[in-house]
PDB file of N, CA and C in Angstrom:
ATOM      1  N   MET A   1      -0.251  15.114  -5.630  1.00  0.00           N
ATOM      2  CA  MET A   1       1.350  14.554  -5.788  1.00  0.00           C
ATOM      3  C   MET A   1       2.077  14.909  -6.296  1.00  0.00           C
ATOM      4  N   LYS A   2       3.176  14.846  -6.074  1.00  0.00           N
ATOM      5  CA  LYS A   2       4.282  15.166  -7.523  1.00  0.00           C
ATOM      6  C   LYS A   2       4.419  13.769  -7.998  1.00  0.00           C
ATOM      7  N   ASP A   3       4.021  13.615  -9.868  1.00  0.00           N
ATOM      8  CA  ASP A   3       5.232  12.421 -10.502  1.00  0.00           C
ATOM      9  C   ASP A   3       6.020  12.023  -9.672  1.00  0.00           C
ATOM     10  N   GLY A   4       6.373  10.495  -9.892  1.00  0.00           N
ATOM     11  CA  GLY A   4       7.563  10.212  -9.440  1.00  0.00           C
ATOM     12  C   GLY A   4       7.476   8.614  -8.561  1.00  0.00           C
ATOM     13  N   LEU A   5       8.690   8.340  -8.064  1.00  0.00           N
ATOM     14  CA  LEU A   5       8.803   7.032  -7.268  1.00  0.00           C
ATOM     15  C   LEU A   5       8.303   7.231  -5.626  1.00  0.00           C
ATOM     16  N   TYR A   6       7.914   6.528  -5.369  1.00  0.00           N
ATOM     17  CA  TYR A   6       7.496   6.792  -3.901  1.00  0.00           C
ATOM     18  C   TYR A   6       7.784   4.972  -3.157  1.00  0.00           C
ATOM     19  N   LYS A   7       8.423   5.426  -2.352  1.00  0.00           N
ATOM     20  CA  LYS A   7       8.717   4.358  -1.053  1.00  0.00           C
ATOM     21  C   LYS A   7       7.163   4.108  -0.313  1.00  0.00           C
ATOM     22  N   VAL A   8       6.763   3.146  -0.059  1.00  0.00           N
ATOM     23  CA  VAL A   8       5.201   2.942   0.408  1.00  0.00           C
ATOM     24  C   VAL A   8       5.585   2.052   1.842  1.00  0.00           C
ATOM     25  N   VAL A   9       5.038   2.098   2.706  1.00  0.00           N
ATOM     26  CA  VAL A   9       5.284   1.850   4.238  1.00  0.00           C
ATOM     27  C   VAL A   9       3.528   0.996   4.483  1.00  0.00           C
ATOM     28  N   PHE A  10       3.571  -0.019   5.037  1.00  0.00           N
ATOM     29  CA  PHE A  10       2.346  -0.614   5.083  1.00  0.00           C
ATOM     30  C   PHE A  10       1.731  -1.083   6.321  1.00  0.00           C
ATOM     31  N   GLN A  11       0.532  -1.198   7.041  1.00  0.00           N
ATOM     32  CA  GLN A  11       0.582  -2.251   8.569  1.00  0.00           C
ATOM     33  C   GLN A  11      -0.909  -2.373   8.749  1.00  0.00           C
ATOM     34  N   THR A  12      -0.760  -3.749   8.925  1.00  0.00           N
ATOM     35  CA  THR A  12      -2.029  -3.864   9.080  1.00  0.00           C
ATOM     36  C   THR A  12      -2.029  -4.851  10.559  1.00  0.00           C
ATOM     37  N   PRO A  13      -2.854  -5.318  11.311  1.00  0.00           N
ATOM     38  CA  PRO A  13      -2.889  -6.118  12.396  1.00  0.00           C
ATOM     39  C   PRO A  13      -1.931  -7.535  12.446  1.00  0.00           C
ATOM     40  N   LEU A  14      -1.654  -7.646  11.376  1.00  0.00           N
ATOM     41  CA  LEU A  14      -1.141  -8.720  11.033  1.00  0.00           C
ATOM     42  C   LEU A  14       0.820  -8.462  10.750  1.00  0.00           C
ATOM     43  N   GLY A  15       0.988  -7.589  10.560  1.00  0.00           N
ATOM     44  CA  GLY A  15       2.555  -7.388  10.668  1.00  0.00           C
ATOM     45  C   GLY A  15       2.605  -5.586   9.507  1.00  0.00           C
ATOM     46  N   GLN A  16       3.857  -5.534   9.446  1.00  0.00           N
ATOM     47  CA  GLN A  16       4.102  -4.441   8.846  1.00  0.00           C
ATOM     48  C   GLN A  16       5.284  -4.738   7.533  1.00  0.00           C
ATOM     49  N   GLY A  17       5.126  -3.747   6.130  1.00  0.00           N
ATOM     50  CA  GLY A  17       5.674  -4.324   5.039  1.00  0.00           C
ATOM     51  C   GLY A  17       6.317  -3.137   4.242  1.00  0.00           C
ATOM     52  N   SER A  18       6.607  -3.438   3.286  1.00  0.00           N
ATOM     53  CA  SER A  18       7.220  -2.032   2.667  1.00  0.00           C
ATOM     54  C   SER A  18       7.618  -2.235   1.101  1.00  0.00           C
ATOM     55  N   GLY A  19       7.447  -1.032   0.303  1.00  0.00           N
ATOM     56  CA  GLY A  19       7.477  -1.804  -1.248  1.00  0.00           C
ATOM     57  C   GLY A  19       7.997  -0.067  -1.670  1.00  0.00           C
ATOM     58  N   ILE A  20       7.721  -0.177  -3.351  1.00  0.00           N
ATOM     59  CA  ILE A  20       7.620   1.212  -3.899  1.00  0.00           C
ATOM     60  C   ILE A  20       6.697   1.164  -4.930  1.00  0.00           C
ATOM     61  N   TYR A  21       6.052   2.416  -5.162  1.00  0.00           N
ATOM     62  CA  TYR A  21       5.100   2.719  -5.974  1.00  0.00           C
ATOM     63  C   TYR A  21       5.301   3.957  -6.854  1.00  0.00           C
ATOM     64  N   ILE A  22       4.567   3.781  -7.923  1.00  0.00           N
ATOM     65  CA  ILE A  22       5.042   5.134  -8.795  1.00  0.00           C
ATOM     66  C   ILE A  22       3.580   5.880  -9.207  1.00  0.00           C
ATOM     67  N   GLN A  23       3.716   7.064  -8.946  1.00  0.00           N
ATOM     68  CA  GLN A  23       2.882   8.113  -8.772  1.00  0.00           C
ATOM     69  C   GLN A  23       2.815   8.845 -10.273  1.00  0.00           C
ATOM     70  N   THR A  24       1.588   8.836 -10.729  1.00  0.00           N
ATOM     71  CA  THR A  24       1.411   9.417 -11.994  1.00  0.00           C
ATOM     72  C   THR A  24       0.068  10.191 -12.173  1.00  0.00           C
ATOM     73  N   GLY A  25      -0.354  11.761 -11.965  1.00  0.00           N
ATOM     74  CA  GLY A  25      -1.611  12.378 -11.966  1.00  0.00           C
ATOM     75  C   GLY A  25      -1.782  12.596 -10.319  1.00  0.00           C
ATOM     76  N   ASP A  26      -3.045  13.168 -10.030  1.00  0.00           N
ATOM     77  CA  ASP A  26      -3.464  12.874  -8.977  1.00  0.00           C
ATOM     78  C   ASP A  26      -4.221  12.122  -7.973  1.00  0.00           C
ATOM     79  N   ALA A  27      -4.591  11.549  -8.671  1.00  0.00           N
ATOM     80  CA  ALA A  27      -5.571  10.535  -7.792  1.00  0.00           C
ATOM     81  C   ALA A  27      -5.207   9.529  -7.056  1.00  0.00           C
ATOM     82  N   VAL A  28      -5.548   9.801  -5.643  1.00  0.00           N
ATOM     83  CA  VAL A  28      -5.002   8.853  -4.641  1.00  0.00           C
ATOM     84  C   VAL A  28      -6.170   7.692  -4.056  1.00  0.00           C
ATOM     85  N   THR A  29      -5.846   6.862  -5.393  1.00  0.00           N
ATOM     86  CA  THR A  29      -6.582   5.437  -4.909  1.00  0.00           C
ATOM     87  C   THR A  29      -6.478   4.778  -5.738  1.00  0.00           C
ATOM     88  N   ALA A  30      -6.234   3.109  -5.079  1.00  0.00           N
ATOM     89  CA  ALA A  30      -5.904   1.926  -6.055  1.00  0.00           C
ATOM     90  C   ALA A  30      -6.826   0.892  -5.429  1.00  0.00           C
ATOM     91  N   ASP A  31      -6.820  -0.221  -6.752  1.00  0.00           N
ATOM     92  CA  ASP A  31      -7.310  -1.360  -6.849  1.00  0.00           C
ATOM     93  C   ASP A  31      -6.149  -2.235  -7.278  1.00  0.00           C
ATOM     94  N   VAL A  32      -5.489  -2.890  -6.291  1.00  0.00           N
ATOM     95  CA  VAL A  32      -4.308  -3.732  -6.815  1.00  0.00           C
ATOM     96  C   VAL A  32      -4.490  -5.385  -6.234  1.00  0.00           C
ATOM     97  N   ARG A  33      -3.992  -6.370  -7.142  1.00  0.00           N
ATOM     98  CA  ARG A  33      -3.796  -7.582  -6.704  1.00  0.00           C
ATOM     99  C   ARG A  33      -2.254  -7.659  -6.489  1.00  0.00           C
ATOM    100  N   VAL A  34      -1.928  -8.615  -5.466  1.00  0.00           N
ATOM    101  CA  VAL A  34      -0.956  -8.758  -4.809  1.00  0.00           C
ATOM    102  C   VAL A  34      -0.546 -10.149  -4.545  1.00  0.00           C
ATOM    103  N   ASP A  35       0.603 -10.494  -5.264  1.00  0.00           N
ATOM    104  CA  ASP A  35       1.661 -12.048  -4.526  1.00  0.00           C
ATOM    105  C   ASP A  35       2.353 -11.623  -3.056  1.00  0.00           C
ATOM    106  N   ARG A  36       2.429 -12.621  -2.118  1.00  0.00           N
ATOM    107  CA  ARG A  36       3.323 -12.448  -1.412  1.00  0.00           C
ATOM    108  C   ARG A  36       4.526 -12.441  -2.060  1.00  0.00           C
ATOM    109  N   HIS A  37       5.635 -11.171  -1.783  1.00  0.00           N
ATOM    110  CA  HIS A  37       7.040 -10.867  -2.426  1.00  0.00           C
ATOM    111  C   HIS A  37       7.907 -11.749  -1.661  1.00  0.00           C
ATOM    112  N   THR A  38       8.483 -11.578  -0.487  1.00  0.00           N
ATOM    113  CA  THR A  38       9.183 -12.512   0.255  1.00  0.00           C
ATOM    114  C   THR A  38       8.638 -13.680   1.011  1.00  0.00           C
ATOM    115  N   PRO A  39       9.329 -14.618   0.241  1.00  0.00           N
ATOM    116  CA  PRO A  39       9.670 -16.132   0.308  1.00  0.00           C
ATOM    117  C   PRO A  39      10.093 -16.357   1.876  1.00  0.00           C
ATOM    118  N   GLY A  40       8.854 -16.989   2.660  1.00  0.00           N
ATOM    119  CA  GLY A  40       9.686 -17.147   4.427  1.00  0.00           C
ATOM    120  C   GLY A  40       9.149 -16.258   5.253  1.00  0.00           C
ATOM    121  N   ILE A  41       9.002 -15.308   4.784  1.00  0.00           N
ATOM    122  CA  ILE A  41       7.996 -14.154   5.338  1.00  0.00           C
ATOM    123  C   ILE A  41       6.483 -13.605   5.293  1.00  0.00           C
ATOM    124  N   ALA A  42       5.835 -14.148   6.233  1.00  0.00           N
ATOM    125  CA  ALA A  42       4.316 -14.379   6.411  1.00  0.00           C
ATOM    126  C   ALA A  42       3.667 -12.826   5.705  1.00  0.00           C
ATOM    127  N   SER A  43       2.492 -12.995   4.974  1.00  0.00           N
ATOM    128  CA  SER A  43       2.098 -12.103   4.194  1.00  0.00           C
ATOM    129  C   SER A  43       1.520 -11.200   5.903  1.00  0.00           C
ATOM    130  N   VAL A  44       1.457 -10.004   5.167  1.00  0.00           N
ATOM    131  CA  VAL A  44       0.808  -8.717   6.598  1.00  0.00           C
ATOM    132  C   VAL A  44      -0.641  -9.157   6.298  1.00  0.00           C
ATOM    133  N   LEU A  45      -1.322  -9.383   5.177  1.00  0.00           N
ATOM    134  CA  LEU A  45      -2.960  -9.458   5.017  1.00  0.00           C
ATOM    135  C   LEU A  45      -3.286 -10.877   5.727  1.00  0.00           C
ATOM    136  N   GLY A  46      -2.522 -12.365   5.603  1.00  0.00           N
ATOM    137  CA  GLY A  46      -2.868 -13.532   6.235  1.00  0.00           C
ATOM    138  C   GLY A  46      -2.975 -14.223   4.538  1.00  0.00           C
ATOM    139  N   ASN A  47      -2.936 -14.001   4.006  1.00  0.00           N
ATOM    140  CA  ASN A  47      -3.347 -14.793   2.446  1.00  0.00           C
ATOM    141  C   ASN A  47      -1.853 -14.269   1.564  1.00  0.00           C
ATOM    142  N   ASP A  48      -1.488 -15.375   0.692  1.00  0.00           N
ATOM    143  CA  ASP A  48      -0.365 -15.000   0.007  1.00  0.00           C
ATOM    144  C   ASP A  48      -0.835 -14.163  -1.685  1.00  0.00           C
ATOM    145  N   LYS A  49      -2.193 -14.366  -1.621  1.00  0.00           N
ATOM    146  CA  LYS A  49      -2.618 -13.739  -2.766  1.00  0.00           C
ATOM    147  C   LYS A  49      -3.680 -13.272  -2.430  1.00  0.00           C
ATOM    148  N   VAL A  50      -3.932 -11.491  -2.880  1.00  0.00           N
ATOM    149  CA  VAL A  50      -4.817 -10.592  -2.441  1.00  0.00           C
ATOM    150  C   VAL A  50      -4.947  -9.851  -3.386  1.00  0.00           C
ATOM    151  N   HIS A  51      -6.334  -9.224  -3.100  1.00  0.00           N
ATOM    152  CA  HIS A  51      -6.849  -7.903  -3.855  1.00  0.00           C
ATOM    153  C   HIS A  51      -6.589  -6.886  -2.248  1.00  0.00           C
ATOM    154  N   ILE A  52      -6.327  -5.398  -2.772  1.00  0.00           N
ATOM    155  CA  ILE A  52      -6.453  -4.403  -2.127  1.00  0.00           C
ATOM    156  C   ILE A  52      -7.439  -3.545  -2.641  1.00  0.00           C
ATOM    157  N   GLN A  53      -8.253  -2.775  -2.117  1.00  0.00           N
ATOM    158  CA  GLN A  53      -8.589  -1.614  -2.680  1.00  0.00           C
ATOM    159  C   GLN A  53      -8.123  -0.615  -1.646  1.00  0.00           C
ATOM    160  N   VAL A  54      -7.666   0.998  -1.857  1.00  0.00           N
ATOM    161  CA  VAL A  54      -7.417   1.734  -0.861  1.00  0.00           C
ATOM    162  C   VAL A  54      -7.353   3.359  -1.257  1.00  0.00           C
ATOM    163  N   ALA A  55      -7.425   4.322  -0.541  1.00  0.00           N
ATOM    164  CA  ALA A  55      -7.780   5.750  -1.012  1.00  0.00           C
ATOM    165  C   ALA A  55      -7.189   6.443   0.204  1.00  0.00           C
ATOM    166  N   GLY A  56      -6.849   7.732  -0.117  1.00  0.00           N
ATOM    167  CA  GLY A  56      -6.607   8.488   1.085  1.00  0.00           C
ATOM    168  C   GLY A  56      -6.601   9.886   0.411  1.00  0.00           C
ATOM    169  N   THR A  57      -5.623  10.690   1.485  1.00  0.00           N
ATOM    170  CA  THR A  57      -5.039  12.092   1.057  1.00  0.00           C
ATOM    171  C   THR A  57      -3.813  12.194   0.575  1.00  0.00           C
ATOM    172  N   ALA A  58      -3.826  13.088  -0.193  1.00  0.00           N
ATOM    173  CA  ALA A  58      -2.097  13.681  -0.214  1.00  0.00           C
ATOM    174  C   ALA A  58      -1.971  15.006  -0.435  1.00  0.00           C
ATOM    175  N   ALA A  59      -0.634  15.102   0.504  1.00  0.00           N
ATOM    176  CA  ALA A  59      -0.333  16.532   0.930  1.00  0.00           C
ATOM    177  C   ALA A  59       1.338  16.406   0.345  1.00  0.00           C
ATOM    178  N   GLY A  60       1.218  17.846  -0.277  1.00  0.00           N
ATOM    179  CA  GLY A  60       2.851  17.707  -0.789  1.00  0.00           C
ATOM    180  C   GLY A  60       3.664  16.574  -1.575  1.00  0.00           C
ATOM    181  N   ASP A  61       4.695  15.647  -0.598  1.00  0.00           N
ATOM    182  CA  ASP A  61       5.128  14.394  -1.345  1.00  0.00           C
ATOM    183  C   ASP A  61       4.813  13.267  -0.545  1.00  0.00           C
ATOM    184  N   ALA A  62       3.680  13.477  -0.125  1.00  0.00           N
ATOM    185  CA  ALA A  62       3.474  12.191   0.901  1.00  0.00           C
ATOM    186  C   ALA A  62       2.027  11.526   0.459  1.00  0.00           C
ATOM    187  N   ALA A  63       1.679  10.481   1.239  1.00  0.00           N
ATOM    188  CA  ALA A  63      -0.057  10.330   1.040  1.00  0.00           C
ATOM    189  C   ALA A  63      -0.173   9.483   2.078  1.00  0.00           C
ATOM    190  N   GLN A  64      -1.374   9.417   2.778  1.00  0.00           N
ATOM    191  CA  GLN A  64      -2.131   8.728   3.686  1.00  0.00           C
ATOM    192  C   GLN A  64      -3.567   7.653   3.147  1.00  0.00           C
ATOM    193  N   LEU A  65      -2.669   6.294   3.122  1.00  0.00           N
ATOM    194  CA  LEU A  65      -4.020   5.750   2.680  1.00  0.00           C
ATOM    195  C   LEU A  65      -4.661   4.680   3.691  1.00  0.00           C
ATOM    196  N   ASN A  66      -5.966   4.528   3.295  1.00  0.00           N
ATOM    197  CA  ASN A  66      -6.614   3.419   4.371  1.00  0.00           C
ATOM    198  C   ASN A  66      -7.505   2.567   3.360  1.00  0.00           C
ATOM    199  N   GLY A  67      -7.490   1.360   3.666  1.00  0.00           N
ATOM    200  CA  GLY A  67      -8.023   0.560   2.574  1.00  0.00           C
ATOM    201  C   GLY A  67      -8.662  -1.143   3.527  1.00  0.00           C
ATOM    202  N   SER A  68      -8.942  -2.095   2.694  1.00  0.00           N
ATOM    203  CA  SER A  68      -9.160  -3.256   3.025  1.00  0.00           C
ATOM    204  C   SER A  68      -9.196  -4.332   1.611  1.00  0.00           C
ATOM    205  N   SER A  69      -9.126  -5.600   2.068  1.00  0.00           N
ATOM    206  CA  SER A  69      -9.169  -6.504   0.977  1.00  0.00           C
ATOM    207  C   SER A  69     -10.155  -7.510   1.285  1.00  0.00           C
ATOM    208  N   PRO A  70     -11.229  -7.785   0.206  1.00  0.00           N
ATOM    209  CA  PRO A  70     -12.205  -8.862   0.674  1.00  0.00           C
ATOM    210  C   PRO A  70     -11.431 -10.388   0.678  1.00  0.00           C
ATOM    211  N   ASP A  71     -10.036 -10.389   0.348  1.00  0.00           N
ATOM    212  CA  ASP A  71      -9.599 -11.677   0.495  1.00  0.00           C
ATOM    213  C   ASP A  71      -9.177 -11.790   2.154  1.00  0.00           C
ATOM    214  N   ALA A  72      -9.035 -11.122   2.822  1.00  0.00           N
ATOM    215  CA  ALA A  72      -8.703 -11.108   4.134  1.00  0.00           C
ATOM    216  C   ALA A  72     -10.078 -10.189   5.046  1.00  0.00           C
ATOM    217  N   PRO A  73     -11.038 -10.408   5.010  1.00  0.00           N
ATOM    218  CA  PRO A  73     -12.222 -10.113   5.755  1.00  0.00           C
ATOM    219  C   PRO A  73     -11.767  -9.810   7.319  1.00  0.00           C
ATOM    220  N   GLY A  74     -11.965  -8.088   7.275  1.00  0.00           N
ATOM    221  CA  GLY A  74     -11.543  -7.846   9.110  1.00  0.00           C
ATOM    222  C   GLY A  74     -10.128  -7.380   9.297  1.00  0.00           C
ATOM    223  N   VAL A  75      -9.529  -7.444   8.009  1.00  0.00           N
ATOM    224  CA  VAL A  75      -8.116  -6.924   8.823  1.00  0.00           C
ATOM    225  C   VAL A  75      -8.041  -5.644   7.703  1.00  0.00           C
ATOM    226  N   SER A  76      -7.624  -4.590   8.785  1.00  0.00           N
ATOM    227  CA  SER A  76      -7.604  -3.098   7.998  1.00  0.00           C
ATOM    228  C   SER A  76      -5.947  -2.696   7.463  1.00  0.00           C
ATOM    229  N   PHE A  77      -6.130  -2.078   6.464  1.00  0.00           N
ATOM    230  CA  PHE A  77      -5.112  -2.117   5.969  1.00  0.00           C
ATOM    231  C   PHE A  77      -4.537  -0.564   5.868  1.00  0.00           C
ATOM    232  N   ARG A  78      -3.504   0.083   5.948  1.00  0.00           N
ATOM    233  CA  ARG A  78      -2.817   1.214   6.446  1.00  0.00           C
ATOM    234  C   ARG A  78      -1.652   1.636   5.577  1.00  0.00           C
ATOM    235  N   ALA A  79      -1.465   2.622   4.862  1.00  0.00           N
ATOM    236  CA  ALA A  79       0.129   2.955   3.909  1.00  0.00           C
ATOM    237  C   ALA A  79       0.355   4.480   3.910  1.00  0.00           C
ATOM    238  N   LEU A  80       1.918   4.481   4.377  1.00  0.00           N
ATOM    239  CA  LEU A  80       2.379   5.951   3.920  1.00  0.00           C
ATOM    240  C   LEU A  80       3.166   5.411   2.941  1.00  0.00           C
ATOM    241  N   LEU A  81       2.876   6.463   2.051  1.00  0.00           N
ATOM    242  CA  LEU A  81       3.408   6.666   0.708  1.00  0.00           C
ATOM    243  C   LEU A  81       4.224   8.345   0.708  1.00  0.00           C
ATOM    244  N   THR A  82       6.116   8.157   0.291  1.00  0.00           N
ATOM    245  CA  THR A  82       6.881   9.139   0.765  1.00  0.00           C
ATOM    246  C   THR A  82       7.826   9.394  -0.390  1.00  0.00           C
ATOM    247  N   ARG A  83       7.336  10.502  -1.241  1.00  0.00           N
ATOM    248  CA  ARG A  83       8.298  10.646  -2.388  1.00  0.00           C
ATOM    249  C   ARG A  83       9.855  10.167  -2.553  1.00  0.00           C
ATOM    250  N   LEU A  84      10.327   9.445  -3.009  1.00  0.00           N
ATOM    251  CA  LEU A  84      12.281   9.445  -3.185  1.00  0.00           C
ATOM    252  C   LEU A  84      12.364  10.502  -3.954  1.00  0.00           C
ATOM    253  N   PRO A  85      13.869  10.970  -3.711  1.00  0.00           N
ATOM    254  CA  PRO A  85      14.499  12.256  -4.387  1.00  0.00           C
ATOM    255  C   PRO A  85      14.606  11.390  -5.849  1.00  0.00           C
ATOM    256  N   ASP A  86      14.288  12.341  -7.037  1.00  0.00           N
ATOM    257  CA  ASP A  86      14.750  12.481  -8.211  1.00  0.00           C
ATOM    258  C   ASP A  86      16.446  11.716  -8.497  1.00  0.00           C
TER     259      ASP A  86
END
């Protein structure tokens, strides 16, 4: 993956969301602690505060990641990262 700013679209069985992600280097793994971002909209993981672990593959200006959260047992997590233009 090229260094840069990426848009992320993520999906769980409970819903879909989006955000941004900054890529530096070649690693395509993440261990993230997240607080619910948008008041009034339910978390796509079912909890307001979660720890997410994801890993996946990169190809060109995109990456596909899969993961889970120990704070939401049984809820799978998928994300697609797409590099935004400079």
